[in-house]
Amino acid sequence: MNVCVIPARGGSKRIPRKNIKKFNGKPIIAYSIEAALKSNLFERVIVSTDDEEIKRIAESYGAEVPYIRPIELSGDLSGTIPVIQHAIEWLEHRNFKLSNICCLYATAPFVNIKTLKKSYEMFKNHNSSYCFGVASFSFPIQRAVRIAKSGRINMFQPENFLKRSQDLEDAYHDAGQFCWGRVSAFKENEFVFSECSIPYVIPRHLVQDIDTNEDWIRAELMHQLLNTKGELYD
């Protein structure tokens, strides 16, 4: 059995009520729920939340909310892995035979059915514990700079200042959309950002982290344009 778990706590700070804030006309969590349901990859699509309003909205878009997440897993410092472990424990306690879990984030309006299906095929065909979406950095991280307490600039890696961009190794970051994982990997706390994982590379124009109001505005504009071009839901 493949199960999709969408973590969605109610107490987001930087963008209040982030997981159900309207994004181009509907709660942002709705995009993740709809992509999961329409992919036909999952026997169950579960939203893990501590919040009654999120529960109501998630159920209205077709997700299951069979339990309310414990308060100890709902604070600012609560990690994703313990939330997934709690979902696995809840399901196994009720004798559900689990194969794989897909953690799908509630604020991932750019995730689409094609991405979920292709990443699942990649995950199935490799002997790996996890498969998650990544995107490349648009600028070489080897030439990144910091602003010191003095207000002056210095480089993290000054030895790379004179190197051409094309001679520097490409670097990637978590796209913040999904992570496929074997149940055993989640249960055993295998580290996701390690050699036990394989990456599914997502084009940069289909990735936008949403942590601030500025991010939100940018993401909505990107989403509108991508919708117009038909690149999101094919």
C-alpha atoms as a PDB file:
ATOM      1  CA  MET A   1       0.000   0.000   0.000  1.00  0.00           C
ATOM      2  CA  ASN A   2       1.248   3.466  -0.946  1.00  0.00           C
ATOM      3  CA  VAL A   3       0.104   6.249   1.351  1.00  0.00           C
ATOM      4  CA  CYS A   4       0.489  10.000   0.914  1.00  0.00           C
ATOM      5  CA  VAL A   5       0.909  11.992   4.121  1.00  0.00           C
ATOM      6  CA  ILE A   6       0.550  15.780   3.990  1.00  0.00           C
ATOM      7  CA  PRO A   7       1.826  17.466   7.179  1.00  0.00           C
ATOM      8  CA  ALA A   8      -0.116  20.656   7.924  1.00  0.00           C
ATOM      9  CA  ARG A   9       0.108  22.143  11.394  1.00  0.00           C
ATOM     10  CA  GLY A  10      -1.918  25.187  12.307  1.00  0.00           C
ATOM     11  CA  GLY A  11       0.678  27.332  14.055  1.00  0.00           C
ATOM     12  CA  SER A  12       2.810  28.725  11.223  1.00  0.00           C
ATOM     13  CA  LYS A  13       4.472  31.979  12.311  1.00  0.00           C
ATOM     14  CA  ARG A  14       6.072  33.752   9.353  1.00  0.00           C
ATOM     15  CA  ILE A  15       2.914  33.439   7.245  1.00  0.00           C
ATOM     16  CA  PRO A  16      -0.007  32.985   9.663  1.00  0.00           C
ATOM     17  CA  ARG A  17      -2.389  30.148   8.711  1.00  0.00           C
ATOM     18  CA  LYS A  18      -0.041  29.446   5.813  1.00  0.00           C
ATOM     19  CA  ASN A  19      -1.304  25.953   5.024  1.00  0.00           C
ATOM     20  CA  ILE A  20      -4.862  27.126   4.289  1.00  0.00           C
ATOM     21  CA  LYS A  21      -4.179  30.677   3.122  1.00  0.00           C
ATOM     22  CA  LYS A  22      -5.820  31.375  -0.237  1.00  0.00           C
ATOM     23  CA  PHE A  23      -3.375  30.928  -3.093  1.00  0.00           C
ATOM     24  CA  ASN A  24      -4.761  32.072  -6.461  1.00  0.00           C
ATOM     25  CA  GLY A  25      -8.302  31.440  -5.315  1.00  0.00           C
ATOM     26  CA  LYS A  26      -8.176  28.361  -3.089  1.00  0.00           C
ATOM     27  CA  PRO A  27      -6.409  27.123   0.051  1.00  0.00           C
ATOM     28  CA  ILE A  28      -2.817  26.320  -0.811  1.00  0.00           C
ATOM     29  CA  ILE A  29      -3.101  22.818   0.693  1.00  0.00           C
ATOM     30  CA  ALA A  30      -5.778  22.019  -1.902  1.00  0.00           C
ATOM     31  CA  TYR A  31      -3.161  21.866  -4.680  1.00  0.00           C
ATOM     32  CA  SER A  32      -1.226  19.109  -2.902  1.00  0.00           C
ATOM     33  CA  ILE A  33      -4.374  17.150  -2.066  1.00  0.00           C
ATOM     34  CA  GLU A  34      -5.690  17.340  -5.623  1.00  0.00           C
ATOM     35  CA  ALA A  35      -2.362  16.325  -7.183  1.00  0.00           C
ATOM     36  CA  ALA A  36      -2.112  13.311  -4.865  1.00  0.00           C
ATOM     37  CA  LEU A  37      -5.679  12.171  -5.532  1.00  0.00           C
ATOM     38  CA  LYS A  38      -5.511  12.646  -9.296  1.00  0.00           C
ATOM     39  CA  SER A  39      -2.203  10.793  -9.583  1.00  0.00           C
ATOM     40  CA  ASN A  40      -3.907   7.498  -8.605  1.00  0.00           C
ATOM     41  CA  LEU A  41      -0.675   6.466  -6.885  1.00  0.00           C
ATOM     42  CA  PHE A  42      -2.096   6.225  -3.390  1.00  0.00           C
ATOM     43  CA  GLU A  43      -4.576   4.037  -1.593  1.00  0.00           C
ATOM     44  CA  ARG A  44      -4.935   6.761   1.020  1.00  0.00           C
ATOM     45  CA  VAL A  45      -4.220  10.505   1.074  1.00  0.00           C
ATOM     46  CA  ILE A  46      -3.950  11.624   4.694  1.00  0.00           C
ATOM     47  CA  VAL A  47      -3.497  15.106   6.109  1.00  0.00           C
ATOM     48  CA  SER A  48      -1.722  15.126   9.466  1.00  0.00           C
ATOM     49  CA  THR A  49      -2.824  18.216  11.390  1.00  0.00           C
ATOM     50  CA  ASP A  50      -3.432  19.516  14.876  1.00  0.00           C
ATOM     51  CA  ASP A  51      -5.985  22.057  13.643  1.00  0.00           C
ATOM     52  CA  GLU A  52      -9.756  21.631  13.261  1.00  0.00           C
ATOM     53  CA  GLU A  53     -10.084  24.245  10.500  1.00  0.00           C
ATOM     54  CA  ILE A  54      -7.327  22.609   8.455  1.00  0.00           C
ATOM     55  CA  LYS A  55      -9.053  19.260   9.030  1.00  0.00           C
ATOM     56  CA  ARG A  56     -12.350  20.615   7.716  1.00  0.00           C
ATOM     57  CA  ILE A  57     -10.788  22.213   4.626  1.00  0.00           C
ATOM     58  CA  ALA A  58      -8.640  19.166   3.840  1.00  0.00           C
ATOM     59  CA  GLU A  59     -11.659  16.870   4.014  1.00  0.00           C
ATOM     60  CA  SER A  60     -13.649  19.203   1.762  1.00  0.00           C
ATOM     61  CA  TYR A  61     -11.007  18.663  -0.947  1.00  0.00           C
ATOM     62  CA  GLY A  62     -11.094  14.882  -0.593  1.00  0.00           C
ATOM     63  CA  ALA A  63      -8.273  14.076   1.837  1.00  0.00           C
ATOM     64  CA  GLU A  64      -8.678  11.915   4.923  1.00  0.00           C
ATOM     65  CA  VAL A  65      -7.990  13.355   8.363  1.00  0.00           C
ATOM     66  CA  PRO A  66      -8.478  10.242  10.500  1.00  0.00           C
ATOM     67  CA  TYR A  67      -6.721  11.624  13.577  1.00  0.00           C
ATOM     68  CA  ILE A  68      -5.631  14.887  15.161  1.00  0.00           C
ATOM     69  CA  ARG A  69      -1.871  15.117  15.478  1.00  0.00           C
ATOM     70  CA  PRO A  70      -0.573  15.159  19.078  1.00  0.00           C
ATOM     71  CA  ILE A  71       0.441  18.538  20.460  1.00  0.00           C
ATOM     72  CA  GLU A  72       4.028  17.353  21.026  1.00  0.00           C
ATOM     73  CA  LEU A  73       4.359  16.953  17.231  1.00  0.00           C
ATOM     74  CA  SER A  74       2.866  20.344  16.399  1.00  0.00           C
ATOM     75  CA  GLY A  75       5.323  22.935  17.700  1.00  0.00           C
ATOM     76  CA  ASP A  76       7.727  25.211  15.852  1.00  0.00           C
ATOM     77  CA  LEU A  77      10.559  22.735  16.339  1.00  0.00           C
ATOM     78  CA  SER A  78       8.632  19.623  15.320  1.00  0.00           C
ATOM     79  CA  GLY A  79      10.397  17.814  12.499  1.00  0.00           C
ATOM     80  CA  THR A  80       8.808  16.144   9.503  1.00  0.00           C
ATOM     81  CA  ILE A  81      10.209  12.663  10.160  1.00  0.00           C
ATOM     82  CA  PRO A  82       8.498  12.269  13.571  1.00  0.00           C
ATOM     83  CA  VAL A  83       5.219  13.346  11.972  1.00  0.00           C
ATOM     84  CA  ILE A  84       5.592  10.679   9.277  1.00  0.00           C
ATOM     85  CA  GLN A  85       6.585   8.108  11.900  1.00  0.00           C
ATOM     86  CA  HIS A  86       3.429   8.951  13.849  1.00  0.00           C
ATOM     87  CA  ALA A  87       1.310   8.411  10.711  1.00  0.00           C
ATOM     88  CA  ILE A  88       3.011   5.063  10.056  1.00  0.00           C
ATOM     89  CA  GLU A  89       2.483   3.966  13.651  1.00  0.00           C
ATOM     90  CA  TRP A  90      -1.191   4.964  13.508  1.00  0.00           C
ATOM     91  CA  LEU A  91      -1.760   3.008  10.292  1.00  0.00           C
ATOM     92  CA  GLU A  92       0.196  -0.087  11.310  1.00  0.00           C
ATOM     93  CA  HIS A  93      -1.609  -0.204  14.643  1.00  0.00           C
ATOM     94  CA  ARG A  94      -4.784  -0.616  12.578  1.00  0.00           C
ATOM     95  CA  ASN A  95      -3.243  -3.422  10.523  1.00  0.00           C
ATOM     96  CA  PHE A  96      -2.666  -1.499   7.304  1.00  0.00           C
ATOM     97  CA  LYS A  97       0.136  -3.134   5.291  1.00  0.00           C
ATOM     98  CA  LEU A  98       2.320  -0.269   4.151  1.00  0.00           C
ATOM     99  CA  SER A  99       4.879  -0.323   1.358  1.00  0.00           C
ATOM    100  CA  ASN A 100       5.890   3.264   0.687  1.00  0.00           C
ATOM    101  CA  ILE A 101       5.083   6.685   2.081  1.00  0.00           C
ATOM    102  CA  CYS A 102       5.125   9.921   0.128  1.00  0.00           C
ATOM    103  CA  CYS A 103       5.486  12.987   2.300  1.00  0.00           C
ATOM    104  CA  LEU A 104       3.857  15.729   0.235  1.00  0.00           C
ATOM    105  CA  TYR A 105       4.160  19.237   1.595  1.00  0.00           C
ATOM    106  CA  ALA A 106       1.062  21.365   2.123  1.00  0.00           C
ATOM    107  CA  THR A 107       2.590  24.432   0.476  1.00  0.00           C
ATOM    108  CA  ALA A 108       3.628  22.879  -2.837  1.00  0.00           C
ATOM    109  CA  PRO A 109       1.304  24.373  -5.468  1.00  0.00           C
ATOM    110  CA  PHE A 110       3.801  23.632  -8.250  1.00  0.00           C
ATOM    111  CA  VAL A 111       3.793  19.875  -7.714  1.00  0.00           C
ATOM    112  CA  ASN A 112       1.988  18.069 -10.502  1.00  0.00           C
ATOM    113  CA  ILE A 113       0.793  14.604 -11.435  1.00  0.00           C
ATOM    114  CA  LYS A 114       3.579  14.029 -13.968  1.00  0.00           C
ATOM    115  CA  THR A 115       6.240  14.799 -11.372  1.00  0.00           C
ATOM    116  CA  LEU A 116       4.671  12.478  -8.799  1.00  0.00           C
ATOM    117  CA  LYS A 117       4.401   9.627 -11.294  1.00  0.00           C
ATOM    118  CA  LYS A 118       7.888   9.980 -12.756  1.00  0.00           C
ATOM    119  CA  SER A 119       9.520  10.320  -9.355  1.00  0.00           C
ATOM    120  CA  TYR A 120       7.669   7.242  -8.147  1.00  0.00           C
ATOM    121  CA  GLU A 121       8.926   5.232 -11.134  1.00  0.00           C
ATOM    122  CA  MET A 122      12.456   6.383 -10.367  1.00  0.00           C
ATOM    123  CA  PHE A 123      12.036   5.452  -6.720  1.00  0.00           C
ATOM    124  CA  LYS A 124      10.675   1.996  -7.606  1.00  0.00           C
ATOM    125  CA  ASN A 125      13.492   1.264 -10.027  1.00  0.00           C
ATOM    126  CA  HIS A 126      16.379   2.124  -7.717  1.00  0.00           C
ATOM    127  CA  ASN A 127      17.572   0.466  -4.563  1.00  0.00           C
ATOM    128  CA  SER A 128      17.238   3.589  -2.457  1.00  0.00           C
ATOM    129  CA  SER A 129      15.549   4.552   0.780  1.00  0.00           C
ATOM    130  CA  TYR A 130      14.208   7.887  -0.426  1.00  0.00           C
ATOM    131  CA  CYS A 131      13.557   9.910  -3.566  1.00  0.00           C
ATOM    132  CA  PHE A 132      12.859  13.613  -3.285  1.00  0.00           C
ATOM    133  CA  GLY A 133      12.645  16.595  -5.589  1.00  0.00           C
ATOM    134  CA  VAL A 134      15.636  18.871  -6.026  1.00  0.00           C
ATOM    135  CA  ALA A 135      16.360  21.960  -8.091  1.00  0.00           C
ATOM    136  CA  SER A 136      19.680  23.474  -9.080  1.00  0.00           C
ATOM    137  CA  PHE A 137      20.910  26.737  -7.623  1.00  0.00           C
ATOM    138  CA  SER A 138      20.822  29.517 -10.200  1.00  0.00           C
ATOM    139  CA  PHE A 139      24.189  30.900  -9.039  1.00  0.00           C
ATOM    140  CA  PRO A 140      27.349  28.938  -8.159  1.00  0.00           C
ATOM    141  CA  ILE A 141      27.302  28.405  -4.396  1.00  0.00           C
ATOM    142  CA  GLN A 142      31.116  28.203  -4.429  1.00  0.00           C
ATOM    143  CA  ARG A 143      31.161  31.965  -5.086  1.00  0.00           C
ATOM    144  CA  ALA A 144      28.671  32.911  -2.386  1.00  0.00           C
ATOM    145  CA  VAL A 145      29.469  35.834  -0.081  1.00  0.00           C
ATOM    146  CA  ARG A 146      28.570  36.705   3.492  1.00  0.00           C
ATOM    147  CA  ILE A 147      28.039  40.059   5.144  1.00  0.00           C
ATOM    148  CA  ALA A 148      30.264  40.264   8.213  1.00  0.00           C
ATOM    149  CA  LYS A 149      29.329  42.028  11.463  1.00  0.00           C
ATOM    150  CA  SER A 150      31.453  44.931  10.259  1.00  0.00           C
ATOM    151  CA  GLY A 151      29.133  45.323   7.273  1.00  0.00           C
ATOM    152  CA  ARG A 152      31.879  44.274   4.875  1.00  0.00           C
ATOM    153  CA  ILE A 153      31.799  41.426   2.390  1.00  0.00           C
ATOM    154  CA  ASN A 154      33.855  38.253   2.362  1.00  0.00           C
ATOM    155  CA  MET A 155      33.583  35.017   0.427  1.00  0.00           C
ATOM    156  CA  PHE A 156      32.779  31.608   1.851  1.00  0.00           C
ATOM    157  CA  GLN A 157      35.282  30.074  -0.586  1.00  0.00           C
ATOM    158  CA  PRO A 158      37.655  32.811  -1.821  1.00  0.00           C
ATOM    159  CA  GLU A 159      39.756  30.230  -3.661  1.00  0.00           C
ATOM    160  CA  ASN A 160      36.942  30.041  -6.226  1.00  0.00           C
ATOM    161  CA  PHE A 161      36.847  33.752  -7.056  1.00  0.00           C
ATOM    162  CA  LEU A 162      38.841  33.471 -10.275  1.00  0.00           C
ATOM    163  CA  LYS A 163      37.267  30.237 -11.480  1.00  0.00           C
ATOM    164  CA  ARG A 164      34.813  30.332 -14.345  1.00  0.00           C
ATOM    165  CA  SER A 165      31.213  29.527 -13.437  1.00  0.00           C
ATOM    166  CA  GLN A 166      31.145  26.649 -15.929  1.00  0.00           C
ATOM    167  CA  ASP A 167      34.118  25.053 -14.169  1.00  0.00           C
ATOM    168  CA  LEU A 168      32.332  24.874 -10.826  1.00  0.00           C
ATOM    169  CA  GLU A 169      30.257  21.876  -9.812  1.00  0.00           C
ATOM    170  CA  ASP A 170      26.469  22.248  -9.984  1.00  0.00           C
ATOM    171  CA  ALA A 171      24.753  22.333  -6.611  1.00  0.00           C
ATOM    172  CA  TYR A 172      21.160  21.470  -5.751  1.00  0.00           C
ATOM    173  CA  HIS A 173      18.679  22.138  -2.975  1.00  0.00           C
ATOM    174  CA  ASP A 174      15.545  20.415  -1.734  1.00  0.00           C
ATOM    175  CA  ALA A 175      12.634  21.640  -3.850  1.00  0.00           C
ATOM    176  CA  GLY A 176      10.305  21.466  -0.853  1.00  0.00           C
ATOM    177  CA  GLN A 177       7.614  19.495  -2.669  1.00  0.00           C
ATOM    178  CA  PHE A 178       7.711  15.781  -1.824  1.00  0.00           C
ATOM    179  CA  CYS A 179       9.755  12.899  -0.523  1.00  0.00           C
ATOM    180  CA  TRP A 180       9.075   9.254  -1.342  1.00  0.00           C
ATOM    181  CA  GLY A 181      10.381   6.871   1.278  1.00  0.00           C
ATOM    182  CA  ARG A 182      10.333   3.248   2.267  1.00  0.00           C
ATOM    183  CA  VAL A 183       8.439   2.677   5.479  1.00  0.00           C
ATOM    184  CA  SER A 184      11.516   1.047   7.019  1.00  0.00           C
ATOM    185  CA  ALA A 185      13.644   4.107   6.198  1.00  0.00           C
ATOM    186  CA  PHE A 186      11.272   6.484   7.934  1.00  0.00           C
ATOM    187  CA  LYS A 187      10.935   4.190  10.932  1.00  0.00           C
ATOM    188  CA  GLU A 188      14.692   3.776  11.287  1.00  0.00           C
ATOM    189  CA  ASN A 189      15.434   7.519  10.965  1.00  0.00           C
ATOM    190  CA  GLU A 190      17.637   7.131   7.919  1.00  0.00           C
ATOM    191  CA  PHE A 191      19.059  10.525   7.009  1.00  0.00           C
ATOM    192  CA  VAL A 192      17.345  11.843   3.884  1.00  0.00           C
ATOM    193  CA  PHE A 193      20.178  14.091   2.669  1.00  0.00           C
ATOM    194  CA  SER A 194      22.626  11.252   2.176  1.00  0.00           C
ATOM    195  CA  GLU A 195      23.654   8.524  -0.243  1.00  0.00           C
ATOM    196  CA  CYS A 196      20.573   6.506   0.708  1.00  0.00           C
ATOM    197  CA  SER A 197      18.516   8.949  -1.407  1.00  0.00           C
ATOM    198  CA  ILE A 198      18.175   9.596  -5.109  1.00  0.00           C
ATOM    199  CA  PRO A 199      17.204  12.999  -6.517  1.00  0.00           C
ATOM    200  CA  TYR A 200      14.397  13.782  -8.899  1.00  0.00           C
ATOM    201  CA  VAL A 201      15.495  16.967 -10.644  1.00  0.00           C
ATOM    202  CA  ILE A 202      12.767  19.574 -11.113  1.00  0.00           C
ATOM    203  CA  PRO A 203      13.303  22.584 -13.419  1.00  0.00           C
ATOM    204  CA  ARG A 204      13.888  25.809 -11.497  1.00  0.00           C
ATOM    205  CA  HIS A 205      10.860  27.506 -13.023  1.00  0.00           C
ATOM    206  CA  LEU A 206       8.637  24.907 -11.317  1.00  0.00           C
ATOM    207  CA  VAL A 207      10.124  25.500  -7.867  1.00  0.00           C
ATOM    208  CA  GLN A 208       9.519  28.283  -5.366  1.00  0.00           C
ATOM    209  CA  ASP A 209      10.106  28.116  -1.644  1.00  0.00           C
ATOM    210  CA  ILE A 210       7.301  29.884   0.241  1.00  0.00           C
ATOM    211  CA  ASP A 211       8.480  31.137   3.623  1.00  0.00           C
ATOM    212  CA  THR A 212       7.788  34.875   3.510  1.00  0.00           C
ATOM    213  CA  ASN A 213       5.087  37.162   2.140  1.00  0.00           C
ATOM    214  CA  GLU A 214       7.498  38.165  -0.618  1.00  0.00           C
ATOM    215  CA  ASP A 215       7.874  34.478  -1.543  1.00  0.00           C
ATOM    216  CA  TRP A 216       4.092  34.134  -1.579  1.00  0.00           C
ATOM    217  CA  ILE A 217       3.582  37.008  -4.016  1.00  0.00           C
ATOM    218  CA  ARG A 218       6.309  35.709  -6.319  1.00  0.00           C
ATOM    219  CA  ALA A 219       4.867  32.190  -6.194  1.00  0.00           C
ATOM    220  CA  GLU A 220       1.357  33.352  -7.073  1.00  0.00           C
ATOM    221  CA  LEU A 221       2.652  35.290 -10.078  1.00  0.00           C
ATOM    222  CA  MET A 222       4.723  32.303 -11.232  1.00  0.00           C
ATOM    223  CA  HIS A 223       1.744  29.994 -10.758  1.00  0.00           C
ATOM    224  CA  GLN A 224      -0.550  32.230 -12.810  1.00  0.00           C
ATOM    225  CA  LEU A 225       1.922  32.338 -15.688  1.00  0.00           C
ATOM    226  CA  LEU A 226       2.587  28.592 -15.610  1.00  0.00           C
ATOM    227  CA  ASN A 227      -1.132  27.913 -15.567  1.00  0.00           C
ATOM    228  CA  THR A 228      -1.562  30.101 -18.629  1.00  0.00           C
ATOM    229  CA  LYS A 229       1.158  28.153 -20.417  1.00  0.00           C
ATOM    230  CA  GLY A 230      -0.332  24.829 -19.339  1.00  0.00           C
ATOM    231  CA  GLU A 231       2.886  23.603 -17.702  1.00  0.00           C
ATOM    232  CA  LEU A 232       1.498  22.590 -14.312  1.00  0.00           C
ATOM    233  CA  TYR A 233      -1.232  20.053 -14.770  1.00  0.00           C
ATOM    234  CA  ASP A 234      -0.388  18.038 -17.873  1.00  0.00           C
END
